[in-house]
N, C-alpha and C. Protein backbone atom coordinates (compact mmCIF):
# COMPACT_ATOMS: atom_id res chain seq x y z
N UNK A 1 0.85 -1.17 0.00
CA UNK A 1 0.00 0.00 0.00
C UNK A 1 0.89 1.23 0.00
N UNK A 2 0.47 2.23 -0.73
CA UNK A 2 1.26 3.46 -0.78
C UNK A 2 0.36 4.65 -1.08
N UNK A 3 0.61 5.74 -0.39
CA UNK A 3 -0.04 7.01 -0.67
C UNK A 3 1.01 7.90 -1.34
N UNK A 4 0.66 8.50 -2.45
CA UNK A 4 1.60 9.32 -3.21
C UNK A 4 0.97 10.68 -3.45
N UNK A 5 1.75 11.73 -3.25
CA UNK A 5 1.24 13.07 -3.56
C UNK A 5 2.39 13.97 -3.98
N UNK A 6 2.10 14.93 -4.81
CA UNK A 6 3.12 15.87 -5.26
C UNK A 6 3.47 16.81 -4.10
N UNK A 7 4.73 17.27 -4.10
CA UNK A 7 5.18 18.15 -3.04
C UNK A 7 4.95 19.62 -3.40
N UNK A 8 5.25 20.47 -2.46
CA UNK A 8 5.10 21.92 -2.65
C UNK A 8 5.94 22.41 -3.83
N UNK A 9 7.09 21.81 -4.07
CA UNK A 9 7.98 22.28 -5.14
C UNK A 9 7.88 21.44 -6.42
N UNK A 10 6.84 20.62 -6.53
CA UNK A 10 6.65 19.82 -7.74
C UNK A 10 6.53 20.73 -8.97
N UNK A 11 7.27 20.39 -10.00
CA UNK A 11 7.18 21.12 -11.27
C UNK A 11 8.04 22.36 -11.36
N UNK A 12 8.73 22.71 -10.28
CA UNK A 12 9.59 23.90 -10.32
C UNK A 12 10.82 23.65 -11.18
N UNK A 13 11.33 24.72 -11.73
CA UNK A 13 12.55 24.64 -12.54
C UNK A 13 13.65 25.43 -11.85
N UNK A 14 14.88 25.10 -12.21
CA UNK A 14 16.02 25.84 -11.68
C UNK A 14 16.55 25.26 -10.38
N UNK A 15 17.86 25.33 -10.25
CA UNK A 15 18.55 24.91 -9.03
C UNK A 15 19.60 25.95 -8.69
N UNK A 16 19.87 26.10 -7.42
CA UNK A 16 20.96 26.94 -6.96
C UNK A 16 21.87 26.06 -6.11
N UNK A 17 23.12 25.91 -6.55
CA UNK A 17 24.10 25.07 -5.88
C UNK A 17 25.07 25.94 -5.11
N UNK A 18 25.33 25.59 -3.87
CA UNK A 18 26.31 26.31 -3.05
C UNK A 18 27.66 26.25 -3.77
N UNK A 19 28.14 27.39 -4.24
CA UNK A 19 29.35 27.44 -5.05
C UNK A 19 30.56 26.86 -4.32
N UNK A 20 30.75 27.22 -3.05
CA UNK A 20 31.89 26.72 -2.30
C UNK A 20 31.87 25.20 -2.19
N UNK A 21 30.69 24.64 -1.95
CA UNK A 21 30.57 23.18 -1.84
C UNK A 21 30.90 22.52 -3.17
N UNK A 22 30.38 23.06 -4.25
CA UNK A 22 30.65 22.49 -5.58
C UNK A 22 32.14 22.51 -5.88
N UNK A 23 32.78 23.66 -5.67
CA UNK A 23 34.21 23.77 -5.96
C UNK A 23 35.04 22.83 -5.07
N UNK A 24 34.66 22.71 -3.79
CA UNK A 24 35.39 21.82 -2.89
C UNK A 24 35.24 20.36 -3.33
N UNK A 25 34.02 19.94 -3.65
CA UNK A 25 33.78 18.56 -4.07
C UNK A 25 34.49 18.24 -5.38
N UNK A 26 34.57 19.25 -6.26
CA UNK A 26 35.22 19.03 -7.56
C UNK A 26 36.72 19.24 -7.49
N UNK A 27 37.23 19.78 -6.36
CA UNK A 27 38.65 20.07 -6.24
C UNK A 27 39.10 21.16 -7.20
N UNK A 28 38.25 22.19 -7.33
CA UNK A 28 38.51 23.25 -8.31
C UNK A 28 38.48 24.62 -7.63
N UNK A 29 39.12 25.59 -8.29
CA UNK A 29 39.07 26.97 -7.82
C UNK A 29 38.47 27.90 -8.87
N UNK A 30 38.26 27.38 -10.06
CA UNK A 30 37.74 28.17 -11.17
C UNK A 30 36.26 27.89 -11.38
N UNK A 31 35.64 28.71 -12.24
CA UNK A 31 34.26 28.44 -12.62
C UNK A 31 34.17 27.05 -13.21
N UNK A 32 33.29 26.21 -12.67
CA UNK A 32 33.18 24.87 -13.22
C UNK A 32 32.50 24.88 -14.60
N UNK A 33 32.91 23.95 -15.44
CA UNK A 33 32.28 23.78 -16.74
C UNK A 33 30.93 23.10 -16.54
N UNK A 34 30.12 23.09 -17.58
CA UNK A 34 28.85 22.39 -17.52
C UNK A 34 29.07 20.91 -17.20
N UNK A 35 30.09 20.32 -17.81
CA UNK A 35 30.38 18.90 -17.57
C UNK A 35 30.73 18.67 -16.10
N UNK A 36 31.48 19.59 -15.48
CA UNK A 36 31.82 19.46 -14.07
C UNK A 36 30.59 19.60 -13.18
N UNK A 37 29.72 20.53 -13.52
CA UNK A 37 28.48 20.69 -12.75
C UNK A 37 27.63 19.43 -12.87
N UNK A 38 27.58 18.86 -14.06
CA UNK A 38 26.83 17.61 -14.24
C UNK A 38 27.45 16.49 -13.41
N UNK A 39 28.77 16.44 -13.34
CA UNK A 39 29.45 15.45 -12.50
C UNK A 39 29.08 15.66 -11.03
N UNK A 40 29.08 16.93 -10.60
CA UNK A 40 28.68 17.23 -9.23
C UNK A 40 27.27 16.73 -8.95
N UNK A 41 26.33 17.04 -9.84
CA UNK A 41 24.94 16.60 -9.64
C UNK A 41 24.84 15.08 -9.60
N UNK A 42 25.61 14.43 -10.41
CA UNK A 42 25.57 12.97 -10.51
C UNK A 42 26.21 12.29 -9.31
N UNK A 43 27.34 12.82 -8.85
CA UNK A 43 28.16 12.10 -7.87
C UNK A 43 28.17 12.68 -6.46
N UNK A 44 27.79 13.96 -6.30
CA UNK A 44 28.00 14.59 -4.99
C UNK A 44 26.77 15.23 -4.38
N UNK A 45 25.79 15.64 -5.15
CA UNK A 45 24.64 16.34 -4.60
C UNK A 45 23.83 15.40 -3.72
N UNK A 46 23.23 15.95 -2.64
CA UNK A 46 22.44 15.11 -1.74
C UNK A 46 21.21 14.55 -2.43
N UNK A 47 20.73 15.23 -3.44
CA UNK A 47 19.62 14.71 -4.22
C UNK A 47 20.16 13.74 -5.26
N UNK A 48 19.35 12.84 -5.68
CA UNK A 48 19.75 11.88 -6.71
C UNK A 48 18.88 12.14 -7.93
N UNK A 49 19.51 12.71 -8.96
CA UNK A 49 18.78 13.10 -10.16
C UNK A 49 18.94 12.03 -11.24
N UNK A 50 17.91 11.89 -12.04
CA UNK A 50 17.99 10.99 -13.18
C UNK A 50 18.93 11.58 -14.22
N UNK A 51 19.57 10.71 -14.98
CA UNK A 51 20.54 11.15 -15.98
C UNK A 51 19.91 12.07 -17.01
N UNK A 52 18.67 11.80 -17.41
CA UNK A 52 18.02 12.66 -18.41
C UNK A 52 17.85 14.08 -17.89
N UNK A 53 17.64 14.24 -16.60
CA UNK A 53 17.54 15.56 -15.99
C UNK A 53 18.91 16.24 -16.01
N UNK A 54 19.95 15.52 -15.57
CA UNK A 54 21.31 16.07 -15.50
C UNK A 54 21.77 16.53 -16.87
N UNK A 55 21.46 15.79 -17.90
CA UNK A 55 21.90 16.13 -19.25
C UNK A 55 21.22 17.38 -19.81
N UNK A 56 20.14 17.82 -19.16
CA UNK A 56 19.39 18.97 -19.67
C UNK A 56 19.52 20.22 -18.82
N UNK A 57 20.48 20.25 -17.88
CA UNK A 57 20.71 21.48 -17.11
C UNK A 57 21.66 22.39 -17.87
N UNK A 58 21.54 23.67 -17.63
CA UNK A 58 22.48 24.65 -18.17
C UNK A 58 22.84 25.63 -17.04
N UNK A 59 24.02 26.20 -17.13
CA UNK A 59 24.46 27.18 -16.14
C UNK A 59 23.97 28.55 -16.59
N UNK A 60 23.26 29.25 -15.69
CA UNK A 60 22.80 30.60 -16.02
C UNK A 60 23.65 31.67 -15.34
N UNK A 61 24.32 31.29 -14.22
CA UNK A 61 25.16 32.26 -13.51
C UNK A 61 26.14 31.49 -12.64
N UNK A 62 27.44 31.72 -12.85
CA UNK A 62 28.48 31.03 -12.06
C UNK A 62 28.62 31.59 -10.64
N UNK A 63 28.24 32.85 -10.45
CA UNK A 63 28.41 33.50 -9.14
C UNK A 63 27.20 34.38 -8.86
N UNK A 64 26.14 33.78 -8.42
CA UNK A 64 24.93 34.54 -8.10
C UNK A 64 24.87 34.77 -6.60
N UNK A 65 24.69 36.02 -6.20
CA UNK A 65 24.58 36.37 -4.78
C UNK A 65 23.14 36.15 -4.33
N UNK A 66 22.96 35.34 -3.31
CA UNK A 66 21.65 35.12 -2.70
C UNK A 66 21.80 35.31 -1.19
N UNK A 67 20.71 35.29 -0.47
CA UNK A 67 20.73 35.51 0.97
C UNK A 67 21.69 34.56 1.69
N UNK A 68 21.76 33.31 1.24
CA UNK A 68 22.60 32.30 1.90
C UNK A 68 24.06 32.37 1.47
N UNK A 69 24.40 33.13 0.46
CA UNK A 69 25.78 33.23 0.00
C UNK A 69 25.86 33.25 -1.52
N UNK A 70 26.94 32.68 -2.05
CA UNK A 70 27.17 32.65 -3.49
C UNK A 70 26.77 31.26 -4.02
N UNK A 71 25.99 31.25 -5.06
CA UNK A 71 25.52 29.99 -5.65
C UNK A 71 25.84 29.94 -7.13
N UNK A 72 25.83 28.75 -7.67
CA UNK A 72 25.85 28.53 -9.12
C UNK A 72 24.40 28.30 -9.51
N UNK A 73 23.86 29.18 -10.34
CA UNK A 73 22.45 29.08 -10.74
C UNK A 73 22.34 28.24 -12.00
N UNK A 74 21.38 27.33 -11.98
CA UNK A 74 21.15 26.44 -13.12
C UNK A 74 19.73 26.58 -13.62
N UNK A 75 19.58 26.49 -14.93
CA UNK A 75 18.27 26.34 -15.54
C UNK A 75 18.07 24.84 -15.71
N UNK A 76 16.90 24.35 -15.35
CA UNK A 76 16.66 22.91 -15.40
C UNK A 76 15.28 22.61 -15.97
N UNK A 77 15.09 21.37 -16.40
CA UNK A 77 13.73 20.94 -16.73
C UNK A 77 12.89 20.93 -15.45
N UNK A 78 11.59 20.89 -15.56
CA UNK A 78 10.76 20.80 -14.36
C UNK A 78 11.11 19.54 -13.56
N UNK A 79 11.18 19.70 -12.25
CA UNK A 79 11.42 18.56 -11.37
C UNK A 79 10.08 17.99 -10.91
N UNK A 80 9.90 16.72 -11.10
CA UNK A 80 8.70 16.05 -10.62
C UNK A 80 9.01 15.50 -9.23
N UNK A 81 8.38 16.10 -8.23
CA UNK A 81 8.69 15.74 -6.85
C UNK A 81 7.43 15.21 -6.16
N UNK A 82 7.59 14.03 -5.61
CA UNK A 82 6.50 13.35 -4.93
C UNK A 82 6.95 12.89 -3.56
N UNK A 83 6.02 12.74 -2.66
CA UNK A 83 6.25 12.04 -1.40
C UNK A 83 5.52 10.71 -1.50
N UNK A 84 6.17 9.68 -1.01
CA UNK A 84 5.57 8.36 -0.97
C UNK A 84 5.46 7.95 0.49
N UNK A 85 4.28 7.58 0.90
CA UNK A 85 4.04 7.18 2.28
C UNK A 85 3.61 5.72 2.28
N UNK A 86 4.43 4.87 2.90
CA UNK A 86 4.16 3.44 2.99
C UNK A 86 3.76 3.10 4.43
N UNK A 87 2.51 2.76 4.68
CA UNK A 87 2.14 2.34 6.03
C UNK A 87 2.85 1.03 6.37
N UNK A 88 3.35 0.92 7.60
CA UNK A 88 4.01 -0.29 8.05
C UNK A 88 3.00 -1.29 8.61
N UNK A 89 3.32 -2.55 8.45
CA UNK A 89 2.50 -3.62 8.98
C UNK A 89 2.42 -3.52 10.50
N UNK A 90 3.56 -3.22 11.14
CA UNK A 90 3.63 -3.05 12.59
C UNK A 90 4.40 -1.76 12.87
N UNK A 91 4.12 -1.12 14.01
CA UNK A 91 4.88 0.09 14.35
C UNK A 91 6.38 -0.21 14.44
N UNK A 92 7.19 0.76 14.00
CA UNK A 92 8.64 0.64 14.09
C UNK A 92 9.13 1.67 15.09
N UNK A 93 9.80 1.19 16.14
CA UNK A 93 10.39 2.09 17.13
C UNK A 93 11.86 2.22 16.76
N UNK A 94 12.24 3.37 16.28
CA UNK A 94 13.61 3.58 15.81
C UNK A 94 14.62 3.29 16.92
N UNK A 95 14.28 3.63 18.14
CA UNK A 95 15.19 3.40 19.26
C UNK A 95 15.52 1.91 19.43
N UNK A 96 14.65 1.03 18.96
CA UNK A 96 14.87 -0.42 19.09
C UNK A 96 15.66 -1.02 17.93
N UNK A 97 16.07 -0.21 16.96
CA UNK A 97 16.78 -0.74 15.79
C UNK A 97 18.26 -1.00 16.05
N UNK A 98 18.79 -0.46 17.15
CA UNK A 98 20.21 -0.66 17.48
C UNK A 98 20.42 -0.36 18.96
N UNK A 99 21.58 -0.74 19.46
CA UNK A 99 21.91 -0.46 20.87
C UNK A 99 22.29 0.99 21.10
N UNK A 100 22.67 1.70 20.02
CA UNK A 100 23.04 3.11 20.17
C UNK A 100 22.11 3.97 19.33
N UNK A 101 21.99 5.22 19.74
CA UNK A 101 21.14 6.17 19.01
C UNK A 101 21.63 6.31 17.57
N UNK A 102 22.94 6.55 17.40
CA UNK A 102 23.48 6.72 16.05
C UNK A 102 23.34 5.44 15.24
N UNK A 103 23.51 4.30 15.88
CA UNK A 103 23.34 3.03 15.19
C UNK A 103 21.91 2.85 14.68
N UNK A 104 20.94 3.27 15.49
CA UNK A 104 19.53 3.18 15.08
C UNK A 104 19.26 4.11 13.89
N UNK A 105 19.79 5.34 13.96
CA UNK A 105 19.61 6.28 12.85
C UNK A 105 20.26 5.75 11.57
N UNK A 106 21.45 5.17 11.71
CA UNK A 106 22.15 4.60 10.56
C UNK A 106 21.38 3.42 9.97
N UNK A 107 20.84 2.57 10.82
CA UNK A 107 20.06 1.42 10.36
C UNK A 107 18.83 1.89 9.59
N UNK A 108 18.14 2.89 10.15
CA UNK A 108 16.96 3.46 9.49
C UNK A 108 17.34 4.03 8.12
N UNK A 109 18.41 4.82 8.08
CA UNK A 109 18.85 5.42 6.83
C UNK A 109 19.20 4.36 5.79
N UNK A 110 19.94 3.34 6.21
CA UNK A 110 20.30 2.25 5.29
C UNK A 110 19.06 1.54 4.77
N UNK A 111 18.07 1.34 5.63
CA UNK A 111 16.85 0.66 5.21
C UNK A 111 16.05 1.48 4.20
N UNK A 112 15.89 2.78 4.48
CA UNK A 112 15.15 3.65 3.57
C UNK A 112 15.88 3.75 2.23
N UNK A 113 17.20 3.91 2.28
CA UNK A 113 17.99 3.98 1.06
C UNK A 113 17.89 2.68 0.28
N UNK A 114 18.01 1.55 0.97
CA UNK A 114 17.90 0.24 0.31
C UNK A 114 16.54 0.04 -0.33
N UNK A 115 15.50 0.45 0.37
CA UNK A 115 14.14 0.31 -0.17
C UNK A 115 13.96 1.16 -1.42
N UNK A 116 14.39 2.42 -1.35
CA UNK A 116 14.23 3.32 -2.50
C UNK A 116 15.05 2.84 -3.69
N UNK A 117 16.29 2.46 -3.43
CA UNK A 117 17.19 2.08 -4.52
C UNK A 117 16.90 0.67 -5.04
N UNK A 118 16.85 -0.30 -4.14
CA UNK A 118 16.74 -1.70 -4.54
C UNK A 118 15.31 -2.10 -4.91
N UNK A 119 14.37 -1.76 -4.07
CA UNK A 119 12.99 -2.20 -4.29
C UNK A 119 12.25 -1.31 -5.29
N UNK A 120 12.34 0.01 -5.08
CA UNK A 120 11.59 0.93 -5.95
C UNK A 120 12.37 1.36 -7.19
N UNK A 121 13.69 1.35 -7.11
CA UNK A 121 14.51 1.80 -8.24
C UNK A 121 14.32 3.26 -8.57
N UNK A 122 14.18 4.10 -7.53
CA UNK A 122 13.93 5.53 -7.76
C UNK A 122 15.10 6.37 -7.29
N UNK A 123 15.21 7.57 -7.84
CA UNK A 123 16.14 8.58 -7.38
C UNK A 123 15.39 9.37 -6.31
N UNK A 124 16.08 9.71 -5.22
CA UNK A 124 15.36 10.32 -4.12
C UNK A 124 16.24 11.32 -3.40
N UNK A 125 15.60 12.17 -2.64
CA UNK A 125 16.28 13.17 -1.82
C UNK A 125 16.76 12.47 -0.56
N UNK A 126 18.08 12.38 -0.40
CA UNK A 126 18.63 11.62 0.72
C UNK A 126 18.33 12.26 2.08
N UNK A 127 17.94 13.53 2.11
CA UNK A 127 17.57 14.13 3.39
C UNK A 127 16.30 13.48 3.94
N UNK A 128 15.56 12.79 3.08
CA UNK A 128 14.33 12.10 3.52
C UNK A 128 14.64 10.84 4.31
N UNK A 129 15.91 10.50 4.48
CA UNK A 129 16.26 9.33 5.29
C UNK A 129 16.39 9.70 6.76
N UNK A 130 16.22 10.95 7.09
CA UNK A 130 16.25 11.41 8.47
C UNK A 130 14.87 11.16 9.08
N UNK A 131 14.78 10.36 10.16
CA UNK A 131 13.46 10.04 10.72
C UNK A 131 12.67 11.26 11.19
N UNK A 132 13.34 12.36 11.48
CA UNK A 132 12.61 13.56 11.89
C UNK A 132 11.81 14.15 10.74
N UNK A 133 12.08 13.68 9.51
CA UNK A 133 11.35 14.18 8.33
C UNK A 133 10.36 13.15 7.81
N UNK A 134 9.90 12.27 8.68
CA UNK A 134 9.05 11.18 8.24
C UNK A 134 7.79 11.65 7.52
N UNK A 135 7.17 12.70 8.00
CA UNK A 135 5.91 13.05 7.37
C UNK A 135 5.61 14.53 7.53
N UNK A 136 5.37 15.16 6.43
CA UNK A 136 4.87 16.53 6.42
C UNK A 136 3.52 16.50 5.73
N UNK A 137 2.59 17.25 6.25
CA UNK A 137 1.28 17.30 5.60
C UNK A 137 1.42 17.93 4.23
N UNK A 138 0.67 17.43 3.26
CA UNK A 138 0.76 17.99 1.91
C UNK A 138 0.29 19.45 1.89
N UNK A 139 1.01 20.26 1.14
CA UNK A 139 0.57 21.63 0.88
C UNK A 139 1.15 22.04 -0.46
N UNK A 140 0.49 23.01 -1.08
CA UNK A 140 0.89 23.46 -2.40
C UNK A 140 0.66 24.95 -2.50
N UNK A 141 1.40 25.63 -3.38
CA UNK A 141 1.14 27.06 -3.57
C UNK A 141 -0.29 27.28 -4.07
N UNK A 142 -0.86 28.40 -3.72
CA UNK A 142 -2.22 28.72 -4.17
C UNK A 142 -2.29 28.65 -5.69
N UNK A 143 -3.25 27.93 -6.20
CA UNK A 143 -3.46 27.80 -7.64
C UNK A 143 -2.59 26.75 -8.32
N UNK A 144 -1.73 26.09 -7.55
CA UNK A 144 -0.82 25.09 -8.15
C UNK A 144 -1.59 23.82 -8.50
N UNK A 145 -1.11 23.17 -9.55
CA UNK A 145 -1.65 21.87 -9.90
C UNK A 145 -0.99 20.83 -9.00
N UNK A 146 -1.76 19.92 -8.47
CA UNK A 146 -1.19 18.85 -7.65
C UNK A 146 -1.91 17.55 -7.95
N UNK A 147 -1.25 16.47 -7.61
CA UNK A 147 -1.82 15.15 -7.84
C UNK A 147 -1.62 14.30 -6.61
N UNK A 148 -2.52 13.36 -6.42
CA UNK A 148 -2.37 12.38 -5.34
C UNK A 148 -2.92 11.05 -5.83
N UNK A 149 -2.32 9.99 -5.29
CA UNK A 149 -2.69 8.64 -5.69
C UNK A 149 -2.72 7.75 -4.46
N UNK A 150 -3.55 6.73 -4.51
CA UNK A 150 -3.55 5.70 -3.49
C UNK A 150 -3.38 4.37 -4.22
N UNK A 151 -2.30 3.65 -3.85
CA UNK A 151 -2.06 2.34 -4.43
C UNK A 151 -2.51 1.30 -3.41
N UNK A 152 -3.50 0.51 -3.78
CA UNK A 152 -4.02 -0.51 -2.87
C UNK A 152 -3.01 -1.62 -2.69
N UNK A 153 -3.02 -2.23 -1.55
CA UNK A 153 -2.11 -3.34 -1.28
C UNK A 153 -1.97 -3.55 0.21
N UNK A 154 -1.03 -4.40 0.57
CA UNK A 154 -0.76 -4.72 1.97
C UNK A 154 0.22 -3.70 2.55
N UNK A 155 0.13 -3.44 3.85
CA UNK A 155 1.14 -2.58 4.48
C UNK A 155 2.52 -3.21 4.36
N UNK A 156 3.53 -2.38 4.41
CA UNK A 156 4.91 -2.80 4.26
C UNK A 156 5.44 -3.42 5.55
N UNK A 157 6.04 -4.59 5.44
CA UNK A 157 6.68 -5.23 6.59
C UNK A 157 8.12 -4.70 6.65
N UNK A 158 8.40 -3.85 7.63
CA UNK A 158 9.73 -3.21 7.73
C UNK A 158 10.85 -4.25 7.80
N UNK A 159 10.57 -5.39 8.38
CA UNK A 159 11.58 -6.43 8.52
C UNK A 159 12.00 -7.04 7.19
N UNK A 160 11.25 -6.79 6.14
CA UNK A 160 11.61 -7.33 4.80
C UNK A 160 12.32 -6.30 3.94
N UNK A 161 12.51 -5.09 4.45
CA UNK A 161 13.16 -4.04 3.67
C UNK A 161 14.65 -4.34 3.57
N UNK A 162 15.22 -4.30 2.34
CA UNK A 162 16.65 -4.61 2.21
C UNK A 162 17.54 -3.55 2.84
């Protein structure tokens, strides 16, 4: 069973990458080329983008000043962003997943990552592996188009997640 709905930022275009982080990850001091930015998106960004998306980004500004600092601004195709909510067969107490707090958080993260990658075969925002982000109520900008789906089936048995 799964509940699926579009997120607040579904369909938005454009990305702003922290310039210092990009240059540090790429080991560069100069303006990165488009190919380098694509490598960053593919190999280093916390989000996991599909290759077809990465191949269609363009750099619009190498040094854009924003409130948070200097970013590399990209023009991108629309991002299709969804939340997937899988009800569990039985409640999962994260504290019981390991003898240590960090061990439990790591086990949870590995399970969510394994499920997304191995079972679903999807690219996903890795920040969603933090249990404090388990569920946000759906909301959308006024007048935005949104979609929601309910897939019938059995609740997910957490113990079977790879």
